[in-house]
Amino acid sequence: MIAAQNLEKKNVTPDDLKPLEQAINDLTHKLDTHIRVTEVHQGHVIELVQSHEATLNGNGDPGLRVRVDRIETSANVISRISWTGLVVALAAIASFFVNK
């Protein structure tokens, strides 16, 4: 009722409001389209996150974290064995020269 009174005071006819109605309908359509596109994009992002989660932590198989930990452990063991072998070799060389 107040809207009708305001229309009469400003001499606005319903035909004057049609462009506004069309603009609102266009914006509503664009918003609906954006929401649908966003939902599809969000679904794709969720799939990627789940795929990365499976790769990192494994999905019944060792994941990257476990594999990297195993590689680091192997590297440490090889390093210790190498240093031990080097020390033994140096001690053997030193004892050879000391005994001469």
N, C-alpha and C. Protein backbone atom coordinates (compact mmCIF):
# COMPACT_ATOMS: atom_id res chain seq x y z
N MET A 1 0.82 -1.17 0.00
CA MET A 1 0.00 0.00 0.00
C MET A 1 0.87 1.25 0.00
N ILE A 2 1.91 1.23 0.81
CA ILE A 2 2.81 2.40 0.85
C ILE A 2 3.50 2.55 -0.48
N ALA A 3 3.89 1.42 -1.11
CA ALA A 3 4.54 1.49 -2.40
C ALA A 3 3.63 2.11 -3.44
N ALA A 4 2.34 1.75 -3.42
CA ALA A 4 1.38 2.32 -4.37
C ALA A 4 1.24 3.81 -4.14
N GLN A 5 1.22 4.23 -2.89
CA GLN A 5 1.11 5.67 -2.59
C GLN A 5 2.35 6.40 -3.09
N ASN A 6 3.54 5.79 -2.89
CA ASN A 6 4.77 6.43 -3.37
C ASN A 6 4.78 6.52 -4.89
N LEU A 7 4.23 5.51 -5.56
CA LEU A 7 4.18 5.53 -7.01
C LEU A 7 3.29 6.67 -7.50
N GLU A 8 2.19 6.87 -6.82
CA GLU A 8 1.28 7.93 -7.23
C GLU A 8 1.90 9.30 -7.00
N LYS A 9 2.61 9.47 -5.93
CA LYS A 9 3.21 10.77 -5.63
C LYS A 9 4.29 11.13 -6.64
N LYS A 10 5.05 10.16 -7.12
CA LYS A 10 6.16 10.43 -8.01
C LYS A 10 5.78 10.22 -9.48
N ASN A 11 4.54 9.90 -9.72
CA ASN A 11 4.04 9.68 -11.07
C ASN A 11 4.81 8.57 -11.78
N VAL A 12 5.11 7.51 -11.06
CA VAL A 12 5.79 6.36 -11.63
C VAL A 12 4.73 5.33 -11.98
N THR A 13 4.81 4.84 -13.19
CA THR A 13 3.84 3.84 -13.63
C THR A 13 4.47 2.46 -13.55
N PRO A 14 3.66 1.42 -13.57
CA PRO A 14 4.22 0.06 -13.57
C PRO A 14 5.12 -0.19 -14.77
N ASP A 15 4.86 0.46 -15.87
CA ASP A 15 5.74 0.30 -17.04
C ASP A 15 7.14 0.84 -16.76
N ASP A 16 7.22 1.83 -15.89
CA ASP A 16 8.53 2.38 -15.54
C ASP A 16 9.36 1.38 -14.73
N LEU A 17 8.69 0.46 -14.06
CA LEU A 17 9.39 -0.51 -13.23
C LEU A 17 9.82 -1.75 -14.01
N LYS A 18 9.34 -1.93 -15.22
CA LYS A 18 9.68 -3.12 -16.00
C LYS A 18 11.18 -3.26 -16.24
N PRO A 19 11.92 -2.18 -16.57
CA PRO A 19 13.38 -2.35 -16.72
C PRO A 19 14.04 -2.82 -15.42
N LEU A 20 13.54 -2.33 -14.30
CA LEU A 20 14.10 -2.76 -13.01
C LEU A 20 13.80 -4.24 -12.76
N GLU A 21 12.58 -4.66 -13.08
CA GLU A 21 12.23 -6.06 -12.93
C GLU A 21 13.10 -6.94 -13.82
N GLN A 22 13.34 -6.48 -15.06
CA GLN A 22 14.18 -7.23 -15.99
C GLN A 22 15.62 -7.31 -15.47
N ALA A 23 16.11 -6.20 -14.93
CA ALA A 23 17.47 -6.19 -14.38
C ALA A 23 17.57 -7.14 -13.19
N ILE A 24 16.56 -7.16 -12.35
CA ILE A 24 16.55 -8.07 -11.19
C ILE A 24 16.51 -9.52 -11.67
N ASN A 25 15.70 -9.80 -12.68
CA ASN A 25 15.63 -11.16 -13.23
C ASN A 25 16.98 -11.57 -13.84
N ASP A 26 17.62 -10.65 -14.54
CA ASP A 26 18.94 -10.95 -15.12
C ASP A 26 19.96 -11.23 -14.03
N LEU A 27 19.96 -10.41 -13.00
CA LEU A 27 20.90 -10.63 -11.89
C LEU A 27 20.62 -11.95 -11.18
N THR A 28 19.35 -12.28 -11.02
CA THR A 28 18.99 -13.54 -10.38
C THR A 28 19.49 -14.71 -11.22
N HIS A 29 19.32 -14.62 -12.54
CA HIS A 29 19.80 -15.68 -13.43
C HIS A 29 21.32 -15.80 -13.35
N LYS A 30 22.02 -14.67 -13.37
CA LYS A 30 23.49 -14.70 -13.28
C LYS A 30 23.94 -15.29 -11.95
N LEU A 31 23.25 -14.93 -10.89
CA LEU A 31 23.60 -15.47 -9.57
C LEU A 31 23.37 -16.98 -9.52
N ASP A 32 22.26 -17.44 -10.06
CA ASP A 32 21.99 -18.89 -10.10
C ASP A 32 23.06 -19.62 -10.90
N THR A 33 23.44 -19.05 -12.04
CA THR A 33 24.49 -19.64 -12.87
C THR A 33 25.81 -19.68 -12.11
N HIS A 34 26.13 -18.59 -11.44
CA HIS A 34 27.38 -18.53 -10.66
C HIS A 34 27.38 -19.58 -9.55
N ILE A 35 26.25 -19.75 -8.90
CA ILE A 35 26.15 -20.73 -7.82
C ILE A 35 26.37 -22.13 -8.37
N ARG A 36 25.78 -22.46 -9.52
CA ARG A 36 25.97 -23.78 -10.12
C ARG A 36 27.42 -24.01 -10.50
N VAL A 37 28.04 -23.01 -11.11
CA VAL A 37 29.45 -23.13 -11.50
C VAL A 37 30.33 -23.30 -10.27
N THR A 38 30.04 -22.55 -9.23
CA THR A 38 30.82 -22.63 -8.00
C THR A 38 30.68 -24.01 -7.35
N GLU A 39 29.48 -24.58 -7.39
CA GLU A 39 29.28 -25.92 -6.82
C GLU A 39 30.10 -26.96 -7.59
N VAL A 40 30.13 -26.85 -8.91
CA VAL A 40 30.93 -27.79 -9.72
C VAL A 40 32.41 -27.61 -9.40
N HIS A 41 32.85 -26.35 -9.33
CA HIS A 41 34.26 -26.08 -9.02
C HIS A 41 34.62 -26.59 -7.64
N GLN A 42 33.74 -26.38 -6.69
CA GLN A 42 34.00 -26.84 -5.32
C GLN A 42 34.08 -28.37 -5.29
N GLY A 43 33.23 -29.05 -6.05
CA GLY A 43 33.30 -30.50 -6.12
C GLY A 43 34.62 -30.97 -6.69
N HIS A 44 35.12 -30.26 -7.71
CA HIS A 44 36.42 -30.61 -8.30
C HIS A 44 37.54 -30.40 -7.30
N VAL A 45 37.49 -29.30 -6.56
CA VAL A 45 38.52 -29.02 -5.55
C VAL A 45 38.51 -30.10 -4.47
N ILE A 46 37.33 -30.52 -4.06
CA ILE A 46 37.23 -31.57 -3.04
C ILE A 46 37.84 -32.87 -3.55
N GLU A 47 37.57 -33.21 -4.82
CA GLU A 47 38.17 -34.41 -5.41
C GLU A 47 39.69 -34.32 -5.42
N LEU A 48 40.23 -33.15 -5.76
CA LEU A 48 41.68 -32.98 -5.77
C LEU A 48 42.27 -33.13 -4.38
N VAL A 49 41.62 -32.54 -3.40
CA VAL A 49 42.11 -32.64 -2.01
C VAL A 49 42.10 -34.09 -1.55
N GLN A 50 41.04 -34.82 -1.88
CA GLN A 50 40.97 -36.23 -1.49
C GLN A 50 42.05 -37.04 -2.19
N SER A 51 42.31 -36.72 -3.45
CA SER A 51 43.36 -37.42 -4.19
C SER A 51 44.73 -37.14 -3.57
N HIS A 52 44.98 -35.89 -3.22
CA HIS A 52 46.26 -35.54 -2.60
C HIS A 52 46.39 -36.17 -1.23
N GLU A 53 45.29 -36.24 -0.50
CA GLU A 53 45.30 -36.89 0.82
C GLU A 53 45.68 -38.36 0.68
N ALA A 54 45.10 -39.04 -0.32
CA ALA A 54 45.41 -40.45 -0.54
C ALA A 54 46.87 -40.62 -0.95
N THR A 55 47.39 -39.70 -1.75
CA THR A 55 48.79 -39.79 -2.18
C THR A 55 49.73 -39.56 -1.01
N LEU A 56 49.43 -38.58 -0.18
CA LEU A 56 50.31 -38.27 0.95
C LEU A 56 50.29 -39.36 2.02
N ASN A 57 49.10 -39.78 2.40
CA ASN A 57 48.98 -40.70 3.53
C ASN A 57 48.79 -42.15 3.12
N GLY A 58 48.57 -42.39 1.84
CA GLY A 58 48.37 -43.75 1.38
C GLY A 58 46.92 -44.16 1.54
N ASN A 59 46.52 -45.06 0.70
CA ASN A 59 45.15 -45.57 0.76
C ASN A 59 45.25 -47.08 0.70
N GLY A 60 45.76 -47.66 1.76
CA GLY A 60 46.02 -49.09 1.78
C GLY A 60 47.46 -49.42 1.40
N ASP A 61 48.12 -48.49 0.76
CA ASP A 61 49.54 -48.62 0.39
C ASP A 61 50.31 -47.56 1.15
N PRO A 62 51.64 -47.70 1.21
CA PRO A 62 52.41 -46.64 1.86
C PRO A 62 52.26 -45.33 1.09
N GLY A 63 52.01 -44.27 1.80
CA GLY A 63 51.90 -42.96 1.19
C GLY A 63 53.26 -42.32 1.06
N LEU A 64 53.26 -41.10 0.54
CA LEU A 64 54.52 -40.39 0.35
C LEU A 64 55.25 -40.15 1.67
N ARG A 65 54.51 -39.87 2.72
CA ARG A 65 55.16 -39.62 4.02
C ARG A 65 55.95 -40.85 4.47
N VAL A 66 55.35 -42.01 4.37
CA VAL A 66 56.02 -43.25 4.78
C VAL A 66 57.21 -43.52 3.87
N ARG A 67 57.01 -43.32 2.57
CA ARG A 67 58.10 -43.60 1.63
C ARG A 67 59.27 -42.66 1.83
N VAL A 68 59.00 -41.38 2.06
CA VAL A 68 60.09 -40.42 2.32
C VAL A 68 60.79 -40.77 3.62
N ASP A 69 60.04 -41.16 4.65
CA ASP A 69 60.65 -41.55 5.91
C ASP A 69 61.57 -42.76 5.72
N ARG A 70 61.12 -43.71 4.91
CA ARG A 70 61.97 -44.89 4.64
C ARG A 70 63.24 -44.49 3.90
N ILE A 71 63.11 -43.60 2.94
CA ILE A 71 64.29 -43.15 2.18
C ILE A 71 65.27 -42.43 3.11
N GLU A 72 64.75 -41.57 3.97
CA GLU A 72 65.63 -40.85 4.92
C GLU A 72 66.31 -41.83 5.87
N THR A 73 65.58 -42.83 6.34
CA THR A 73 66.17 -43.82 7.24
C THR A 73 67.26 -44.60 6.52
N SER A 74 66.99 -45.00 5.27
CA SER A 74 68.00 -45.72 4.48
C SER A 74 69.23 -44.86 4.26
N ALA A 75 69.02 -43.58 3.96
CA ALA A 75 70.15 -42.67 3.74
C ALA A 75 70.99 -42.54 5.01
N ASN A 76 70.35 -42.47 6.16
CA ASN A 76 71.10 -42.38 7.42
C ASN A 76 71.89 -43.66 7.68
N VAL A 77 71.30 -44.81 7.42
CA VAL A 77 72.00 -46.08 7.63
C VAL A 77 73.20 -46.18 6.69
N ILE A 78 72.99 -45.84 5.43
CA ILE A 78 74.10 -45.89 4.45
C ILE A 78 75.19 -44.91 4.85
N SER A 79 74.82 -43.75 5.34
CA SER A 79 75.82 -42.77 5.77
C SER A 79 76.64 -43.32 6.95
N ARG A 80 75.97 -43.92 7.92
CA ARG A 80 76.68 -44.48 9.08
C ARG A 80 77.61 -45.62 8.65
N ILE A 81 77.11 -46.48 7.77
CA ILE A 81 77.96 -47.59 7.29
C ILE A 81 79.16 -47.05 6.53
N SER A 82 78.95 -46.03 5.72
CA SER A 82 80.05 -45.44 4.95
C SER A 82 81.10 -44.82 5.88
N TRP A 83 80.64 -44.08 6.88
CA TRP A 83 81.59 -43.47 7.81
C TRP A 83 82.34 -44.55 8.60
N THR A 84 81.61 -45.59 9.00
CA THR A 84 82.26 -46.67 9.73
C THR A 84 83.31 -47.35 8.86
N GLY A 85 82.97 -47.60 7.59
CA GLY A 85 83.93 -48.21 6.66
C GLY A 85 85.13 -47.31 6.44
N LEU A 86 84.92 -46.02 6.34
CA LEU A 86 86.03 -45.08 6.16
C LEU A 86 86.94 -45.08 7.39
N VAL A 87 86.35 -45.08 8.57
CA VAL A 87 87.16 -45.09 9.80
C VAL A 87 87.94 -46.39 9.89
N VAL A 88 87.31 -47.51 9.57
CA VAL A 88 88.01 -48.80 9.62
C VAL A 88 89.15 -48.80 8.60
N ALA A 89 88.91 -48.29 7.40
CA ALA A 89 89.95 -48.25 6.38
C ALA A 89 91.11 -47.35 6.83
N LEU A 90 90.80 -46.19 7.40
CA LEU A 90 91.86 -45.30 7.89
C LEU A 90 92.63 -45.94 9.04
N ALA A 91 91.93 -46.66 9.91
CA ALA A 91 92.60 -47.33 11.01
C ALA A 91 93.51 -48.44 10.48
N ALA A 92 93.08 -49.16 9.45
CA ALA A 92 93.89 -50.22 8.86
C ALA A 92 95.13 -49.63 8.20
N ILE A 93 94.96 -48.53 7.50
CA ILE A 93 96.11 -47.85 6.86
C ILE A 93 97.07 -47.35 7.93
N ALA A 94 96.52 -46.74 8.99
CA ALA A 94 97.37 -46.22 10.05
C ALA A 94 98.12 -47.36 10.75
N SER A 95 97.43 -48.45 11.00
CA SER A 95 98.12 -49.58 11.68
C SER A 95 99.17 -50.20 10.77
N PHE A 96 98.96 -50.17 9.47
CA PHE A 96 99.96 -50.69 8.54
C PHE A 96 101.24 -49.86 8.62
N PHE A 97 101.08 -48.55 8.66
CA PHE A 97 102.26 -47.70 8.74
C PHE A 97 102.92 -47.72 10.12
N VAL A 98 102.12 -47.91 11.16
CA VAL A 98 102.69 -47.96 12.52
C VAL A 98 103.48 -49.25 12.71
N ASN A 99 103.03 -50.35 12.16
CA ASN A 99 103.68 -51.64 12.33
C ASN A 99 104.94 -51.77 11.49
N LYS A 100 105.18 -50.93 10.54
CA LYS A 100 106.39 -51.03 9.70
C LYS A 100 107.54 -50.47 10.39
